[in-house]
Amino acid sequence: MEGCWNEFKQLLLSLESRYVPRRKTTTQKNGKAIWMTYRARNLVSRKRAVFAKYKDKDHPATKKNK
């Protein structure tokens, strides 16, 4: 059984090295996903900022609405 497993493993690894491309993954410096437009990124940033204000109990706008 051990010999069959080693043979299968070697075959699988050799096929992987031959047919699976190796690419370096790079992180983007601007912090956005590839599919995300700049407008969508700005909207997400604005949404997060508004939600952070909403969660902050000491923010003046939150105190005013209570």
PDB file of N, CA and C in Angstrom:
ATOM      1  N   MET A   1       0.814  -1.185   0.000  1.00  0.00           N
ATOM      2  CA  MET A   1       0.000   0.000   0.000  1.00  0.00           C
ATOM      3  C   MET A   1       0.862   1.254   0.000  1.00  0.00           C
ATOM      4  N   GLU A   2       1.922   1.215   0.817  1.00  0.00           N
ATOM      5  CA  GLU A   2       2.815   2.375   0.908  1.00  0.00           C
ATOM      6  C   GLU A   2       3.488   2.662  -0.436  1.00  0.00           C
ATOM      7  N   GLY A   3       3.887   1.624  -1.131  1.00  0.00           N
ATOM      8  CA  GLY A   3       4.523   1.804  -2.430  1.00  0.00           C
ATOM      9  C   GLY A   3       3.575   2.399  -3.456  1.00  0.00           C
ATOM     10  N   CYS A   4       2.318   1.962  -3.445  1.00  0.00           N
ATOM     11  CA  CYS A   4       1.324   2.517  -4.363  1.00  0.00           C
ATOM     12  C   CYS A   4       1.075   3.990  -4.068  1.00  0.00           C
ATOM     13  N   TRP A   5       1.014   4.316  -2.777  1.00  0.00           N
ATOM     14  CA  TRP A   5       0.788   5.716  -2.409  1.00  0.00           C
ATOM     15  C   TRP A   5       1.956   6.593  -2.863  1.00  0.00           C
ATOM     16  N   ASN A   6       3.179   6.144  -2.647  1.00  0.00           N
ATOM     17  CA  ASN A   6       4.347   6.932  -3.059  1.00  0.00           C
ATOM     18  C   ASN A   6       4.381   7.111  -4.573  1.00  0.00           C
ATOM     19  N   GLU A   7       4.041   6.076  -5.309  1.00  0.00           N
ATOM     20  CA  GLU A   7       4.020   6.168  -6.771  1.00  0.00           C
ATOM     21  C   GLU A   7       2.942   7.160  -7.229  1.00  0.00           C
ATOM     22  N   PHE A   8       1.757   7.082  -6.637  1.00  0.00           N
ATOM     23  CA  PHE A   8       0.681   8.013  -6.983  1.00  0.00           C
ATOM     24  C   PHE A   8       1.056   9.445  -6.617  1.00  0.00           C
ATOM     25  N   LYS A   9       1.681   9.613  -5.454  1.00  0.00           N
ATOM     26  CA  LYS A   9       2.085  10.943  -5.001  1.00  0.00           C
ATOM     27  C   LYS A   9       3.109  11.547  -5.953  1.00  0.00           C
ATOM     28  N   GLN A  10       4.095  10.770  -6.373  1.00  0.00           N
ATOM     29  CA  GLN A  10       5.112  11.261  -7.300  1.00  0.00           C
ATOM     30  C   GLN A  10       4.489  11.638  -8.645  1.00  0.00           C
ATOM     31  N   LEU A  11       3.558  10.832  -9.127  1.00  0.00           N
ATOM     32  CA  LEU A  11       2.873  11.130 -10.375  1.00  0.00           C
ATOM     33  C   LEU A  11       2.082  12.428 -10.253  1.00  0.00           C
ATOM     34  N   LEU A  12       1.376  12.574  -9.165  1.00  0.00           N
ATOM     35  CA  LEU A  12       0.583  13.774  -8.944  1.00  0.00           C
ATOM     36  C   LEU A  12       1.466  15.010  -8.846  1.00  0.00           C
ATOM     37  N   LEU A  13       2.559  14.928  -8.129  1.00  0.00           N
ATOM     38  CA  LEU A  13       3.466  16.069  -7.994  1.00  0.00           C
ATOM     39  C   LEU A  13       4.132  16.427  -9.321  1.00  0.00           C
ATOM     40  N   SER A  14       4.470  15.428 -10.112  1.00  0.00           N
ATOM     41  CA  SER A  14       5.098  15.720 -11.408  1.00  0.00           C
ATOM     42  C   SER A  14       4.090  16.371 -12.357  1.00  0.00           C
ATOM     43  N   LEU A  15       2.844  15.911 -12.341  1.00  0.00           N
ATOM     44  CA  LEU A  15       1.816  16.542 -13.173  1.00  0.00           C
ATOM     45  C   LEU A  15       1.525  17.964 -12.710  1.00  0.00           C
ATOM     46  N   GLU A  16       1.544  18.165 -11.404  1.00  0.00           N
ATOM     47  CA  GLU A  16       1.317  19.505 -10.863  1.00  0.00           C
ATOM     48  C   GLU A  16       2.424  20.461 -11.302  1.00  0.00           C
ATOM     49  N   SER A  17       3.669  20.026 -11.203  1.00  0.00           N
ATOM     50  CA  SER A  17       4.773  20.908 -11.584  1.00  0.00           C
ATOM     51  C   SER A  17       4.788  21.179 -13.084  1.00  0.00           C
ATOM     52  N   ARG A  18       4.275  20.245 -13.884  1.00  0.00           N
ATOM     53  CA  ARG A  18       4.258  20.433 -15.325  1.00  0.00           C
ATOM     54  C   ARG A  18       3.106  21.320 -15.794  1.00  0.00           C
ATOM     55  N   TYR A  19       1.922  21.166 -15.217  1.00  0.00           N
ATOM     56  CA  TYR A  19       0.727  21.808 -15.762  1.00  0.00           C
ATOM     57  C   TYR A  19       0.141  22.943 -14.925  1.00  0.00           C
ATOM     58  N   VAL A  20       0.523  23.057 -13.684  1.00  0.00           N
ATOM     59  CA  VAL A  20      -0.017  24.134 -12.855  1.00  0.00           C
ATOM     60  C   VAL A  20       0.971  25.295 -12.884  1.00  0.00           C
ATOM     61  N   PRO A  21       0.535  26.461 -13.387  1.00  0.00           N
ATOM     62  CA  PRO A  21       1.460  27.595 -13.462  1.00  0.00           C
ATOM     63  C   PRO A  21       1.755  28.163 -12.078  1.00  0.00           C
ATOM     64  N   ARG A  22       2.951  28.635 -11.933  1.00  0.00           N
ATOM     65  CA  ARG A  22       3.350  29.268 -10.674  1.00  0.00           C
ATOM     66  C   ARG A  22       3.444  30.764 -10.915  1.00  0.00           C
ATOM     67  N   ARG A  23       2.723  31.510 -10.098  1.00  0.00           N
ATOM     68  CA  ARG A  23       2.724  32.957 -10.212  1.00  0.00           C
ATOM     69  C   ARG A  23       2.969  33.569  -8.853  1.00  0.00           C
ATOM     70  N   LYS A  24       3.653  34.671  -8.842  1.00  0.00           N
ATOM     71  CA  LYS A  24       3.818  35.406  -7.613  1.00  0.00           C
ATOM     72  C   LYS A  24       2.579  36.254  -7.404  1.00  0.00           C
ATOM     73  N   THR A  25       2.103  36.258  -6.189  1.00  0.00           N
ATOM     74  CA  THR A  25       0.981  37.128  -5.888  1.00  0.00           C
ATOM     75  C   THR A  25       1.540  38.432  -5.351  1.00  0.00           C
ATOM     76  N   THR A  26       1.012  39.514  -5.842  1.00  0.00           N
ATOM     77  CA  THR A  26       1.465  40.818  -5.394  1.00  0.00           C
ATOM     78  C   THR A  26       0.313  41.529  -4.708  1.00  0.00           C
ATOM     79  N   THR A  27       0.652  42.290  -3.716  1.00  0.00           N
ATOM     80  CA  THR A  27      -0.363  43.099  -3.058  1.00  0.00           C
ATOM     81  C   THR A  27      -0.387  44.455  -3.729  1.00  0.00           C
ATOM     82  N   GLN A  28      -1.558  44.977  -3.861  1.00  0.00           N
ATOM     83  CA  GLN A  28      -1.673  46.269  -4.516  1.00  0.00           C
ATOM     84  C   GLN A  28      -1.389  47.374  -3.513  1.00  0.00           C
ATOM     85  N   LYS A  29      -0.712  48.413  -3.974  1.00  0.00           N
ATOM     86  CA  LYS A  29      -0.337  49.494  -3.088  1.00  0.00           C
ATOM     87  C   LYS A  29      -1.513  50.398  -2.755  1.00  0.00           C
ATOM     88  N   ASN A  30      -2.512  50.436  -3.640  1.00  0.00           N
ATOM     89  CA  ASN A  30      -3.621  51.340  -3.391  1.00  0.00           C
ATOM     90  C   ASN A  30      -4.709  50.711  -2.527  1.00  0.00           C
ATOM     91  N   GLY A  31      -4.615  49.443  -2.188  1.00  0.00           N
ATOM     92  CA  GLY A  31      -5.523  48.815  -1.256  1.00  0.00           C
ATOM     93  C   GLY A  31      -6.893  48.484  -1.804  1.00  0.00           C
ATOM     94  N   LYS A  32      -7.048  48.368  -3.092  1.00  0.00           N
ATOM     95  CA  LYS A  32      -8.354  48.035  -3.644  1.00  0.00           C
ATOM     96  C   LYS A  32      -8.274  46.700  -4.360  1.00  0.00           C
ATOM     97  N   ALA A  33      -9.414  46.037  -4.433  1.00  0.00           N
ATOM     98  CA  ALA A  33      -9.482  44.778  -5.153  1.00  0.00           C
ATOM     99  C   ALA A  33      -9.408  45.051  -6.656  1.00  0.00           C
ATOM    100  N   ILE A  34      -9.021  44.063  -7.418  1.00  0.00           N
ATOM    101  CA  ILE A  34      -8.857  44.231  -8.859  1.00  0.00           C
ATOM    102  C   ILE A  34     -10.179  44.616  -9.512  1.00  0.00           C
ATOM    103  N   TRP A  35     -11.272  44.022  -9.060  1.00  0.00           N
ATOM    104  CA  TRP A  35     -12.570  44.255  -9.683  1.00  0.00           C
ATOM    105  C   TRP A  35     -13.220  45.553  -9.220  1.00  0.00           C
ATOM    106  N   MET A  36     -12.695  46.175  -8.184  1.00  0.00           N
ATOM    107  CA  MET A  36     -13.341  47.348  -7.603  1.00  0.00           C
ATOM    108  C   MET A  36     -12.906  48.623  -8.317  1.00  0.00           C
ATOM    109  N   THR A  37     -13.880  49.454  -8.677  1.00  0.00           N
ATOM    110  CA  THR A  37     -13.571  50.736  -9.299  1.00  0.00           C
ATOM    111  C   THR A  37     -13.212  51.732  -8.205  1.00  0.00           C
ATOM    112  N   TYR A  38     -12.629  52.851  -8.611  1.00  0.00           N
ATOM    113  CA  TYR A  38     -12.261  53.865  -7.634  1.00  0.00           C
ATOM    114  C   TYR A  38     -13.492  54.482  -6.988  1.00  0.00           C
ATOM    115  N   ARG A  39     -14.570  54.605  -7.748  1.00  0.00           N
ATOM    116  CA  ARG A  39     -15.811  55.143  -7.196  1.00  0.00           C
ATOM    117  C   ARG A  39     -16.360  54.206  -6.125  1.00  0.00           C
ATOM    118  N   ALA A  40     -16.349  52.912  -6.403  1.00  0.00           N
ATOM    119  CA  ALA A  40     -16.814  51.939  -5.423  1.00  0.00           C
ATOM    120  C   ALA A  40     -15.925  51.952  -4.190  1.00  0.00           C
ATOM    121  N   ARG A  41     -14.638  52.104  -4.377  1.00  0.00           N
ATOM    122  CA  ARG A  41     -13.716  52.160  -3.244  1.00  0.00           C
ATOM    123  C   ARG A  41     -14.005  53.365  -2.371  1.00  0.00           C
ATOM    124  N   ASN A  42     -14.270  54.510  -2.999  1.00  0.00           N
ATOM    125  CA  ASN A  42     -14.586  55.708  -2.235  1.00  0.00           C
ATOM    126  C   ASN A  42     -15.902  55.554  -1.487  1.00  0.00           C
ATOM    127  N   LEU A  43     -16.881  54.921  -2.107  1.00  0.00           N
ATOM    128  CA  LEU A  43     -18.158  54.692  -1.438  1.00  0.00           C
ATOM    129  C   LEU A  43     -18.002  53.768  -0.232  1.00  0.00           C
ATOM    130  N   VAL A  44     -17.175  52.740  -0.369  1.00  0.00           N
ATOM    131  CA  VAL A  44     -16.928  51.834   0.751  1.00  0.00           C
ATOM    132  C   VAL A  44     -16.223  52.579   1.879  1.00  0.00           C
ATOM    133  N   SER A  45     -15.282  53.442   1.540  1.00  0.00           N
ATOM    134  CA  SER A  45     -14.580  54.217   2.562  1.00  0.00           C
ATOM    135  C   SER A  45     -15.545  55.135   3.294  1.00  0.00           C
ATOM    136  N   ARG A  46     -16.436  55.763   2.551  1.00  0.00           N
ATOM    137  CA  ARG A  46     -17.408  56.653   3.163  1.00  0.00           C
ATOM    138  C   ARG A  46     -18.360  55.871   4.071  1.00  0.00           C
ATOM    139  N   LYS A  47     -18.798  54.701   3.609  1.00  0.00           N
ATOM    140  CA  LYS A  47     -19.683  53.860   4.417  1.00  0.00           C
ATOM    141  C   LYS A  47     -19.010  53.471   5.724  1.00  0.00           C
ATOM    142  N   ARG A  48     -17.744  53.100   5.665  1.00  0.00           N
ATOM    143  CA  ARG A  48     -17.026  52.705   6.876  1.00  0.00           C
ATOM    144  C   ARG A  48     -16.860  53.879   7.829  1.00  0.00           C
ATOM    145  N   ALA A  49     -16.610  55.064   7.280  1.00  0.00           N
ATOM    146  CA  ALA A  49     -16.461  56.247   8.132  1.00  0.00           C
ATOM    147  C   ALA A  49     -17.771  56.589   8.832  1.00  0.00           C
ATOM    148  N   VAL A  50     -18.875  56.516   8.108  1.00  0.00           N
ATOM    149  CA  VAL A  50     -20.180  56.802   8.708  1.00  0.00           C
ATOM    150  C   VAL A  50     -20.511  55.773   9.772  1.00  0.00           C
ATOM    151  N   PHE A  51     -20.225  54.517   9.518  1.00  0.00           N
ATOM    152  CA  PHE A  51     -20.511  53.478  10.498  1.00  0.00           C
ATOM    153  C   PHE A  51     -19.640  53.647  11.740  1.00  0.00           C
ATOM    154  N   ALA A  52     -18.386  54.078  11.560  1.00  0.00           N
ATOM    155  CA  ALA A  52     -17.509  54.313  12.708  1.00  0.00           C
ATOM    156  C   ALA A  52     -18.076  55.446  13.570  1.00  0.00           C
ATOM    157  N   LYS A  53     -18.610  56.479  12.937  1.00  0.00           N
ATOM    158  CA  LYS A  53     -19.243  57.566  13.700  1.00  0.00           C
ATOM    159  C   LYS A  53     -20.469  57.051  14.434  1.00  0.00           C
ATOM    160  N   TYR A  54     -21.233  56.195  13.792  1.00  0.00           N
ATOM    161  CA  TYR A  54     -22.437  55.630  14.389  1.00  0.00           C
ATOM    162  C   TYR A  54     -22.106  54.802  15.623  1.00  0.00           C
ATOM    163  N   LYS A  55     -21.029  54.047  15.555  1.00  0.00           N
ATOM    164  CA  LYS A  55     -20.644  53.208  16.685  1.00  0.00           C
ATOM    165  C   LYS A  55     -20.052  54.006  17.836  1.00  0.00           C
ATOM    166  N   ASP A  56     -19.463  55.173  17.538  1.00  0.00           N
ATOM    167  CA  ASP A  56     -18.798  55.975  18.555  1.00  0.00           C
ATOM    168  C   ASP A  56     -19.836  56.711  19.392  1.00  0.00           C
ATOM    169  N   LYS A  57     -19.963  56.342  20.651  1.00  0.00           N
ATOM    170  CA  LYS A  57     -20.965  56.961  21.525  1.00  0.00           C
ATOM    171  C   LYS A  57     -20.571  58.376  21.931  1.00  0.00           C
ATOM    172  N   ASP A  58     -19.299  58.727  21.805  1.00  0.00           N
ATOM    173  CA  ASP A  58     -18.835  60.048  22.209  1.00  0.00           C
ATOM    174  C   ASP A  58     -18.793  61.043  21.045  1.00  0.00           C
ATOM    175  N   HIS A  59     -19.177  60.619  19.872  1.00  0.00           N
ATOM    176  CA  HIS A  59     -19.170  61.533  18.721  1.00  0.00           C
ATOM    177  C   HIS A  59     -20.284  62.572  18.888  1.00  0.00           C
ATOM    178  N   PRO A  60     -20.035  63.842  18.572  1.00  0.00           N
ATOM    179  CA  PRO A  60     -21.033  64.889  18.771  1.00  0.00           C
ATOM    180  C   PRO A  60     -22.350  64.641  18.034  1.00  0.00           C
ATOM    181  N   ALA A  61     -22.302  64.119  16.843  1.00  0.00           N
ATOM    182  CA  ALA A  61     -23.525  63.862  16.092  1.00  0.00           C
ATOM    183  C   ALA A  61     -24.370  62.780  16.768  1.00  0.00           C
ATOM    184  N   THR A  62     -23.719  61.801  17.367  1.00  0.00           N
ATOM    185  CA  THR A  62     -24.441  60.749  18.070  1.00  0.00           C
ATOM    186  C   THR A  62     -25.073  61.299  19.341  1.00  0.00           C
ATOM    187  N   LYS A  63     -24.346  62.142  20.063  1.00  0.00           N
ATOM    188  CA  LYS A  63     -24.880  62.724  21.288  1.00  0.00           C
ATOM    189  C   LYS A  63     -26.059  63.640  20.990  1.00  0.00           C
ATOM    190  N   LYS A  64     -25.988  64.359  19.871  1.00  0.00           N
ATOM    191  CA  LYS A  64     -27.051  65.299  19.508  1.00  0.00           C
ATOM    192  C   LYS A  64     -28.353  64.560  19.191  1.00  0.00           C
ATOM    193  N   ASN A  65     -28.277  63.396  18.591  1.00  0.00           N
ATOM    194  CA  ASN A  65     -29.465  62.649  18.186  1.00  0.00           C
ATOM    195  C   ASN A  65     -30.090  61.866  19.343  1.00  0.00           C
ATOM    196  N   LYS A  66     -29.429  61.764  20.473  1.00  0.00           N
ATOM    197  CA  LYS A  66     -29.984  60.990  21.591  1.00  0.00           C
ATOM    198  C   LYS A  66     -30.971  61.780  22.377  1.00  0.00           C
TER     199      LYS A  66
END
